């Protein structure tokens, strides 16, 4: 019997011939990613009693969750992190304004096919878009990784999702992801490795694929993976920081769950408050009033997403009484959007453009809604209070739907503008 991607990569990183689901293995990561929470991790690290980080060359820190610093407390955390980086000789440090950590990790060629990425953030599976095994861990676990260079992991069972055909015009990978999450629920892939296969997946751009791997955290997945192909290798040309060897599942691998979807049957989806798996076709929520719209985050803040939103907003204005916030996922995306004229389109439509980072997604600052207000967002979570106000509602959708809703002042299909 063959092996899945997760089984093969974890066997390699554990120095074993093979592993099986449920087995506990000790592995050494290729990358250990953290963000603003590196300050708290450093505090835990010091309690272990170790003076030096064991693998500083593999540590990546990106300031993104609260940038620019919205309070003295956040500013102090950033100061601690900058001092930590200096003292420990961490070369892969990206200060405030570079972008969201998951986007930056991929852009900088630091997450590569066949590698193991551990990140102190739940959306670390994002890096699976490059064919890496990428999974989120806790702060205390990351402190252990800093101290020892190793960590125990349980080998996950694997879910294989095959998507046939092509997505219709106006339907995005975000809609596909929300459909799958709605069907399988928030625990449908709990502690599982999710592999995406099929002609519909191969037809997607790297940017669209990243949405799929990123948001699988909302289905409980341990990691998500898309097999590297010509698009992946072309993207990595000139970016990859190291030599790499892609890993692919065997044709006779055994899967715990196998699902098939027809891409042609997917339609625009919207997640209703207060759960991502509470997703329905847009027709079921069309007409819902919105007070705020947000385009950005590690899920949908890439150039392709901004281009789609700009097409909707070209020659139109944001509805009176509605705020539209646009945040490119990285400085690289920001510059490309500026050059392409998308940012001018947003400004002319009445939007606010903010510096690359997580922005309203975390509810720390920037775009906090008032009580009773409704936000429609391209983010990955809509839990109660996620954007800073418990007594408000968040709907999730694609950049196309969010942009159209900002213009209409209510949730609307772009074709109905």
Protein backbone atom coordinates (compact mmCIF):
# COMPACT_ATOMS: atom_id res chain seq x y z
CA UNK A 1 0.00 0.00 0.00
CA UNK A 2 1.27 3.46 -0.92
CA UNK A 3 1.44 6.53 1.25
CA UNK A 4 -0.20 9.94 1.33
CA UNK A 5 1.73 13.19 1.13
CA UNK A 6 1.58 13.72 4.89
CA UNK A 7 2.85 10.22 5.62
CA UNK A 8 5.75 10.60 3.20
CA UNK A 9 6.92 14.04 4.32
CA UNK A 10 6.68 13.26 8.04
CA UNK A 11 8.56 9.99 7.58
CA UNK A 12 11.31 11.93 5.82
CA UNK A 13 11.51 14.63 8.49
CA UNK A 14 11.51 12.01 11.26
CA UNK A 15 14.26 9.98 9.59
CA UNK A 16 12.03 6.90 9.26
CA UNK A 17 11.32 4.59 6.35
CA UNK A 18 7.58 4.94 6.78
CA UNK A 19 4.94 6.14 9.22
CA UNK A 20 1.25 5.43 9.73
CA UNK A 21 -1.67 7.65 10.80
CA UNK A 22 -1.83 8.05 14.55
CA UNK A 23 1.89 7.50 15.04
CA UNK A 24 3.80 10.09 17.08
CA UNK A 25 7.02 11.23 15.43
CA UNK A 26 9.77 13.65 16.41
CA UNK A 27 10.52 16.01 13.54
CA UNK A 28 12.81 18.89 12.72
CA UNK A 29 11.10 21.74 10.83
CA UNK A 30 12.59 23.53 7.85
CA UNK A 31 10.80 26.74 8.90
CA UNK A 32 9.45 28.00 12.24
CA UNK A 33 7.11 30.94 11.60
CA UNK A 34 5.71 33.45 14.08
CA UNK A 35 4.36 37.00 14.07
CA UNK A 36 3.53 39.58 16.73
CA UNK A 37 3.14 36.72 19.21
CA UNK A 38 6.90 36.17 19.06
CA UNK A 39 7.16 38.46 22.11
CA UNK A 40 5.04 36.07 24.18
CA UNK A 41 6.91 33.08 22.75
CA UNK A 42 10.20 34.67 23.79
CA UNK A 43 8.90 34.95 27.35
CA UNK A 44 8.09 31.22 27.37
CA UNK A 45 11.43 30.42 25.74
CA UNK A 46 13.34 32.17 28.53
CA UNK A 47 11.49 30.10 31.16
CA UNK A 48 12.90 26.93 29.57
CA UNK A 49 16.34 28.09 30.67
CA UNK A 50 18.02 28.17 27.27
CA UNK A 51 19.99 31.25 26.25
CA UNK A 52 20.26 30.80 22.49
CA UNK A 53 17.70 29.80 19.85
CA UNK A 54 18.90 26.50 18.44
CA UNK A 55 17.94 27.12 14.80
CA UNK A 56 17.99 30.91 14.23
CA UNK A 57 18.51 30.42 10.49
CA UNK A 58 15.14 28.64 10.27
CA UNK A 59 13.18 31.18 12.30
CA UNK A 60 10.90 33.57 10.40
CA UNK A 61 9.17 36.46 12.19
CA UNK A 62 6.74 38.84 10.48
CA UNK A 63 5.03 41.74 12.25
CA UNK A 64 1.52 41.83 10.83
CA UNK A 65 -1.29 41.42 13.36
CA UNK A 66 -1.26 44.90 14.89
CA UNK A 67 0.55 47.21 12.48
CA UNK A 68 1.08 50.07 12.72
CA UNK A 69 1.08 49.52 16.50
CA UNK A 70 -2.36 50.65 17.80
CA UNK A 71 -1.35 50.91 21.45
CA UNK A 72 1.64 51.23 23.76
CA UNK A 73 1.29 47.55 24.63
CA UNK A 74 1.53 46.50 21.00
CA UNK A 75 4.42 48.87 20.40
CA UNK A 76 6.27 47.36 23.36
CA UNK A 77 5.75 43.86 21.95
CA UNK A 78 7.23 45.01 18.67
CA UNK A 79 10.19 46.54 20.50
CA UNK A 80 10.82 43.25 22.31
CA UNK A 81 10.71 41.36 19.03
CA UNK A 82 13.14 43.71 17.31
CA UNK A 83 15.54 43.32 20.22
CA UNK A 84 15.09 39.53 20.14
CA UNK A 85 15.90 39.46 16.43
CA UNK A 86 19.07 41.45 17.02
CA UNK A 87 20.26 39.43 20.01
CA UNK A 88 19.55 36.01 18.47
CA UNK A 89 20.81 36.77 14.97
CA UNK A 90 17.52 36.04 13.21
CA UNK A 91 17.96 37.01 9.57
CA UNK A 92 14.46 36.32 8.33
CA UNK A 93 12.72 39.19 10.09
CA UNK A 94 10.10 41.28 8.29
CA UNK A 95 9.06 44.43 10.10
CA UNK A 96 5.69 46.17 10.11
CA UNK A 97 4.41 46.96 6.63
CA UNK A 98 5.90 44.00 4.76
CA UNK A 99 2.61 42.13 4.85
CA UNK A 100 0.70 39.20 6.35
CA UNK A 101 3.06 36.46 7.51
CA UNK A 102 1.58 33.67 5.38
CA UNK A 103 1.72 35.74 2.20
CA UNK A 104 5.25 36.97 2.98
CA UNK A 105 6.52 33.45 3.71
CA UNK A 106 5.47 32.29 0.23
CA UNK A 107 6.58 35.45 -1.59
CA UNK A 108 10.02 35.28 0.00
CA UNK A 109 10.56 31.69 -1.15
CA UNK A 110 10.80 30.44 2.42
CA UNK A 111 8.09 27.76 2.19
CA UNK A 112 9.11 25.18 -0.37
CA UNK A 113 7.82 21.89 -1.83
CA UNK A 114 8.50 18.89 0.37
CA UNK A 115 9.39 20.97 3.42
CA UNK A 116 7.95 21.07 6.94
CA UNK A 117 6.66 24.44 8.16
CA UNK A 118 5.56 24.96 11.76
CA UNK A 119 3.84 28.25 12.54
CA UNK A 120 2.39 29.83 15.68
CA UNK A 121 -0.74 30.80 13.76
CA UNK A 122 -3.75 28.68 12.87
CA UNK A 123 -3.64 29.58 9.19
CA UNK A 124 -0.13 28.22 8.66
CA UNK A 125 -1.62 25.52 6.32
CA UNK A 126 -1.55 28.37 3.77
CA UNK A 127 2.01 27.32 2.84
CA UNK A 128 0.63 24.05 1.48
CA UNK A 129 0.00 26.00 -1.71
CA UNK A 130 3.71 25.44 -2.38
CA UNK A 131 3.50 21.73 -1.64
CA UNK A 132 4.84 22.03 1.91
CA UNK A 133 3.49 20.31 5.01
CA UNK A 134 2.53 23.40 7.01
CA UNK A 135 0.70 23.31 10.31
CA UNK A 136 -0.16 25.63 13.16
CA UNK A 137 1.18 25.04 16.67
CA UNK A 138 0.79 26.79 20.02
CA UNK A 139 3.09 29.38 21.55
CA UNK A 140 4.53 26.95 24.11
CA UNK A 141 5.23 24.46 21.34
CA UNK A 142 7.01 27.13 19.33
CA UNK A 143 9.11 28.01 22.37
CA UNK A 144 10.18 24.35 22.47
CA UNK A 145 11.06 24.47 18.78
CA UNK A 146 13.19 27.56 19.41
CA UNK A 147 14.95 25.80 22.28
CA UNK A 148 15.44 22.33 20.80
CA UNK A 149 14.91 22.60 17.05
CA UNK A 150 12.45 19.71 17.21
CA UNK A 151 8.83 18.86 18.05
CA UNK A 152 6.52 15.87 18.35
CA UNK A 153 3.71 15.59 15.82
CA UNK A 154 0.95 13.04 15.33
CA UNK A 155 0.78 11.68 11.79
CA UNK A 156 -2.66 12.72 10.49
CA UNK A 157 -5.19 10.76 8.52
CA UNK A 158 -5.76 12.23 5.05
CA UNK A 159 -8.79 13.58 3.21
CA UNK A 160 -8.56 13.67 -0.58
CA UNK A 161 -10.73 16.25 -2.36
CA UNK A 162 -10.94 15.93 -6.14
CA UNK A 163 -12.53 18.82 -8.04
CA UNK A 164 -13.47 18.10 -11.64
CA UNK A 165 -14.35 20.53 -14.44
CA UNK A 166 -13.88 24.29 -14.28
CA UNK A 167 -15.31 27.01 -12.05
CA UNK A 168 -17.90 29.16 -13.86
CA UNK A 169 -17.22 32.83 -14.56
CA UNK A 170 -17.72 34.90 -11.43
CA UNK A 171 -17.11 31.92 -9.15
CA UNK A 172 -13.84 31.80 -7.25
CA UNK A 173 -11.79 29.41 -5.16
CA UNK A 174 -13.24 31.17 -2.09
CA UNK A 175 -16.70 30.00 -3.16
CA UNK A 176 -15.39 26.46 -3.66
CA UNK A 177 -13.79 26.50 -0.21
CA UNK A 178 -16.92 27.80 1.51
CA UNK A 179 -19.04 25.16 -0.26
CA UNK A 180 -16.77 22.36 0.95
CA UNK A 181 -16.66 23.74 4.50
CA UNK A 182 -20.46 24.09 4.55
CA UNK A 183 -20.82 20.47 3.46
CA UNK A 184 -18.20 18.99 5.80
CA UNK A 185 -18.72 21.38 8.73
CA UNK A 186 -16.07 23.02 10.90
CA UNK A 187 -14.79 19.69 12.26
CA UNK A 188 -15.04 17.75 9.00
CA UNK A 189 -11.26 17.49 8.62
CA UNK A 190 -10.30 17.66 12.28
CA UNK A 191 -6.56 16.92 12.60
CA UNK A 192 -6.50 15.65 9.02
CA UNK A 193 -4.23 16.38 6.10
CA UNK A 194 -6.31 17.71 3.21
CA UNK A 195 -5.06 17.04 -0.33
CA UNK A 196 -6.59 18.98 -3.23
CA UNK A 197 -6.60 17.24 -6.63
CA UNK A 198 -8.34 17.44 -9.99
CA UNK A 199 -8.40 19.46 -13.20
CA UNK A 200 -10.23 22.37 -11.57
CA UNK A 201 -7.42 22.76 -9.02
CA UNK A 202 -4.71 22.52 -11.69
CA UNK A 203 -6.48 25.27 -13.65
CA UNK A 204 -6.31 27.70 -10.72
CA UNK A 205 -3.62 30.34 -10.38
CA UNK A 206 -1.19 30.13 -7.46
CA UNK A 207 -3.06 33.04 -5.86
CA UNK A 208 -6.42 31.26 -6.08
CA UNK A 209 -4.94 28.00 -4.78
CA UNK A 210 -3.60 29.80 -1.71
CA UNK A 211 -7.16 30.63 -0.67
CA UNK A 212 -7.96 26.91 -0.53
CA UNK A 213 -5.00 25.87 1.61
CA UNK A 214 -5.36 28.91 3.87
CA UNK A 215 -8.99 28.45 4.81
CA UNK A 216 -8.84 24.69 5.41
CA UNK A 217 -8.01 25.64 9.00
CA UNK A 218 -11.72 26.47 9.25
CA UNK A 219 -12.55 22.82 8.57
CA UNK A 220 -10.22 21.69 11.36
CA UNK A 221 -7.43 20.56 9.04
CA UNK A 222 -3.93 19.94 10.39
CA UNK A 223 -2.51 20.91 7.02
CA UNK A 224 -3.59 21.35 3.40
CA UNK A 225 -1.63 20.44 0.28
CA UNK A 226 -1.76 21.07 -3.45
CA UNK A 227 0.67 19.00 -5.54
CA UNK A 228 3.40 21.21 -7.01
CA UNK A 229 3.17 21.53 -10.79
CA UNK A 230 4.57 23.72 -13.56
CA UNK A 231 2.81 26.78 -12.13
CA UNK A 232 4.36 26.17 -8.72
CA UNK A 233 7.85 25.71 -10.09
CA UNK A 234 7.55 28.79 -12.30
CA UNK A 235 6.44 30.85 -9.29
CA UNK A 236 9.41 29.67 -7.26
CA UNK A 237 11.97 30.36 -9.98
CA UNK A 238 14.14 33.15 -8.64
CA UNK A 239 12.30 33.11 -5.29
CA UNK A 240 13.27 29.84 -3.63
CA UNK A 241 15.88 30.38 -0.91
CA UNK A 242 17.04 26.74 -0.96
CA UNK A 243 17.15 23.65 -3.09
CA UNK A 244 14.01 21.56 -2.68
CA UNK A 245 12.54 18.22 -3.66
CA UNK A 246 8.76 18.01 -4.19
CA UNK A 247 6.91 15.14 -2.52
CA UNK A 248 3.80 13.59 -4.06
CA UNK A 249 1.33 11.02 -2.71
CA UNK A 250 1.46 7.53 -4.15
CA UNK A 251 -1.26 6.55 -6.59
CA UNK A 252 -2.30 3.68 -4.32
CA UNK A 253 -2.27 5.74 -1.12
CA UNK A 254 -5.01 4.95 1.38
CA UNK A 255 -7.28 7.86 2.34
CA UNK A 256 -9.57 8.13 5.34
CA UNK A 257 -12.04 10.26 3.35
CA UNK A 258 -12.40 10.82 -0.40
CA UNK A 259 -14.66 13.56 -1.78
CA UNK A 260 -15.49 14.64 -5.32
CA UNK A 261 -16.92 17.96 -6.48
CA UNK A 262 -18.03 19.27 -9.85
CA UNK A 263 -16.59 22.76 -10.17
CA UNK A 264 -19.27 23.67 -12.70
CA UNK A 265 -21.95 23.29 -10.04
CA UNK A 266 -20.36 25.73 -7.58
CA UNK A 267 -22.01 29.16 -7.20
CA UNK A 268 -21.09 32.26 -5.19
CA UNK A 269 -21.25 31.43 -1.50
CA UNK A 270 -21.59 33.59 1.61
CA UNK A 271 -20.88 32.55 5.21
CA UNK A 272 -23.47 33.94 7.61
CA UNK A 273 -22.76 34.94 11.20
CA UNK A 274 -21.25 33.53 13.37
CA UNK A 275 -19.56 30.50 11.80
CA UNK A 276 -17.62 29.86 8.62
CA UNK A 277 -19.48 26.61 7.97
CA UNK A 278 -22.77 28.54 8.08
CA UNK A 279 -22.32 29.17 4.36
CA UNK A 280 -25.13 29.31 1.81
CA UNK A 281 -25.58 30.31 -1.84
CA UNK A 282 -25.70 34.09 -2.20
CA UNK A 283 -29.38 33.97 -3.20
CA UNK A 284 -30.26 33.06 0.40
CA UNK A 285 -28.74 36.24 1.87
CA UNK A 286 -29.11 38.67 -1.04
CA UNK A 287 -30.48 42.02 0.07
CA UNK A 288 -28.92 41.93 3.55
CA UNK A 289 -27.90 45.47 4.54
CA UNK A 290 -24.16 46.11 5.04
CA UNK A 291 -22.42 48.96 6.87
CA UNK A 292 -18.84 48.00 6.12
CA UNK A 293 -16.94 46.01 3.52
CA UNK A 294 -13.39 44.70 3.85
CA UNK A 295 -11.15 43.34 1.08
CA UNK A 296 -7.83 41.87 2.20
CA UNK A 297 -6.20 39.34 4.59
CA UNK A 298 -4.10 36.26 3.93
CA UNK A 299 -7.17 34.60 2.41
CA UNK A 300 -8.06 37.15 -0.29
CA UNK A 301 -5.67 40.10 -0.30
CA UNK A 302 -3.55 39.11 -3.29
CA UNK A 303 -3.21 40.95 -6.60
CA UNK A 304 -5.72 38.72 -8.36
CA UNK A 305 -8.26 39.48 -5.62
CA UNK A 306 -7.69 43.23 -5.85
CA UNK A 307 -7.94 43.07 -9.65
CA UNK A 308 -11.32 41.33 -9.40
CA UNK A 309 -12.61 43.92 -6.92
CA UNK A 310 -11.30 46.77 -9.07
CA UNK A 311 -13.22 45.46 -12.09
CA UNK A 312 -16.42 45.64 -10.07
CA UNK A 313 -15.66 49.10 -8.68
CA UNK A 314 -14.44 50.69 -11.91
CA UNK A 315 -16.64 53.71 -12.63
CA UNK A 316 -18.79 53.08 -9.56
CA UNK A 317 -19.02 54.54 -6.06
CA UNK A 318 -19.32 52.94 -2.65
CA UNK A 319 -22.90 53.30 -1.42
CA UNK A 320 -23.63 56.24 0.91
CA UNK A 321 -23.17 55.20 4.54
CA UNK A 322 -20.96 52.22 3.68
CA UNK A 323 -17.22 52.08 4.48
CA UNK A 324 -14.97 50.05 2.21
CA UNK A 325 -11.51 49.12 3.51
CA UNK A 326 -8.90 47.62 1.17
CA UNK A 327 -5.63 46.17 2.47
CA UNK A 328 -3.14 44.45 0.15
CA UNK A 329 -1.75 41.27 1.70
CA UNK A 330 1.84 42.40 1.23
CA UNK A 331 4.05 45.25 0.10
CA UNK A 332 4.72 43.32 -3.10
CA UNK A 333 0.99 43.18 -3.80
CA UNK A 334 0.59 46.85 -2.83
CA UNK A 335 3.23 47.97 -5.35
CA UNK A 336 1.79 45.81 -8.12
CA UNK A 337 -1.74 47.09 -7.44
CA UNK A 338 -0.46 50.65 -7.46
CA UNK A 339 1.28 50.12 -10.80
CA UNK A 340 -1.81 48.47 -12.30
CA UNK A 341 -4.04 51.38 -11.22
CA UNK A 342 -6.21 49.32 -8.89
CA UNK A 343 -5.53 51.49 -5.86
CA UNK A 344 -6.60 54.58 -7.77
CA UNK A 345 -9.80 52.79 -8.74
CA UNK A 346 -10.48 52.01 -5.09
CA UNK A 347 -9.82 55.58 -3.98
CA UNK A 348 -12.01 57.01 -6.74
CA UNK A 349 -14.79 54.67 -5.62
CA UNK A 350 -14.52 56.00 -2.07
CA UNK A 351 -12.51 53.23 -0.42
CA UNK A 352 -9.83 53.56 2.26
CA UNK A 353 -6.45 51.96 1.45
CA UNK A 354 -4.42 50.80 4.46
CA UNK A 355 -0.87 49.48 4.90
CA UNK A 356 -0.20 45.75 4.36
CA UNK A 357 -1.07 43.61 7.37
CA UNK A 358 -3.97 41.79 8.97
CA UNK A 359 -5.98 44.96 9.54
CA UNK A 360 -9.60 44.50 10.72
CA UNK A 361 -9.35 40.70 10.63
CA UNK A 362 -8.09 40.48 14.20
CA UNK A 363 -10.20 43.27 15.69
CA UNK A 364 -7.18 44.94 17.30
CA UNK A 365 -7.67 48.20 15.47
CA UNK A 366 -8.69 49.59 12.11
CA UNK A 367 -12.23 48.89 10.92
CA UNK A 368 -13.81 47.92 14.24
CA UNK A 369 -17.60 47.98 13.65
CA UNK A 370 -20.13 49.65 15.89
CA UNK A 371 -22.64 47.59 17.83
CA UNK A 372 -25.36 46.28 15.55
CA UNK A 373 -23.42 46.91 12.36
CA UNK A 374 -22.91 44.39 9.56
CA UNK A 375 -19.59 43.78 7.81
CA UNK A 376 -19.01 41.73 4.69
CA UNK A 377 -15.42 40.57 4.42
CA UNK A 378 -13.01 38.47 2.36
CA UNK A 379 -11.38 37.17 5.57
CA UNK A 380 -11.37 33.60 6.84
CA UNK A 381 -13.32 33.96 10.10
CA UNK A 382 -16.60 35.50 11.16
CA UNK A 383 -16.83 34.39 14.79
CA UNK A 384 -18.71 36.64 17.19
CA UNK A 385 -16.43 39.52 18.17
CA UNK A 386 -13.78 38.58 15.61
CA UNK A 387 -13.49 42.18 14.35
CA UNK A 388 -13.56 43.66 17.84
CA UNK A 389 -17.30 44.01 18.55
CA UNK A 390 -19.37 41.10 19.86
CA UNK A 391 -22.66 42.82 19.09
CA UNK A 392 -22.02 42.98 15.34
CA UNK A 393 -22.28 40.57 12.42
CA UNK A 394 -19.71 39.42 9.87
CA UNK A 395 -20.46 37.78 6.53
CA UNK A 396 -17.69 36.17 4.46
CA UNK A 397 -17.53 36.14 0.68
CA UNK A 398 -15.26 36.48 -2.35
CA UNK A 399 -13.69 39.81 -3.38
CA UNK A 400 -16.20 40.03 -6.24
CA UNK A 401 -19.19 39.77 -3.90
CA UNK A 402 -17.68 42.06 -1.26
CA UNK A 403 -16.93 44.78 -3.82
CA UNK A 404 -20.40 44.52 -5.36
CA UNK A 405 -22.04 44.66 -1.92
CA UNK A 406 -20.06 47.79 -1.04
CA UNK A 407 -21.50 49.47 -4.13
CA UNK A 408 -25.06 48.29 -3.56
CA UNK A 409 -25.10 48.81 0.21
CA UNK A 410 -26.48 45.29 0.58
CA UNK A 411 -25.29 41.79 -0.21
CA UNK A 412 -25.64 41.34 -3.93
CA UNK A 413 -24.39 39.15 -6.77
CA UNK A 414 -21.97 41.19 -8.95
CA UNK A 415 -24.04 40.43 -12.05
CA UNK A 416 -27.00 42.21 -10.45
CA UNK A 417 -25.31 45.60 -10.14
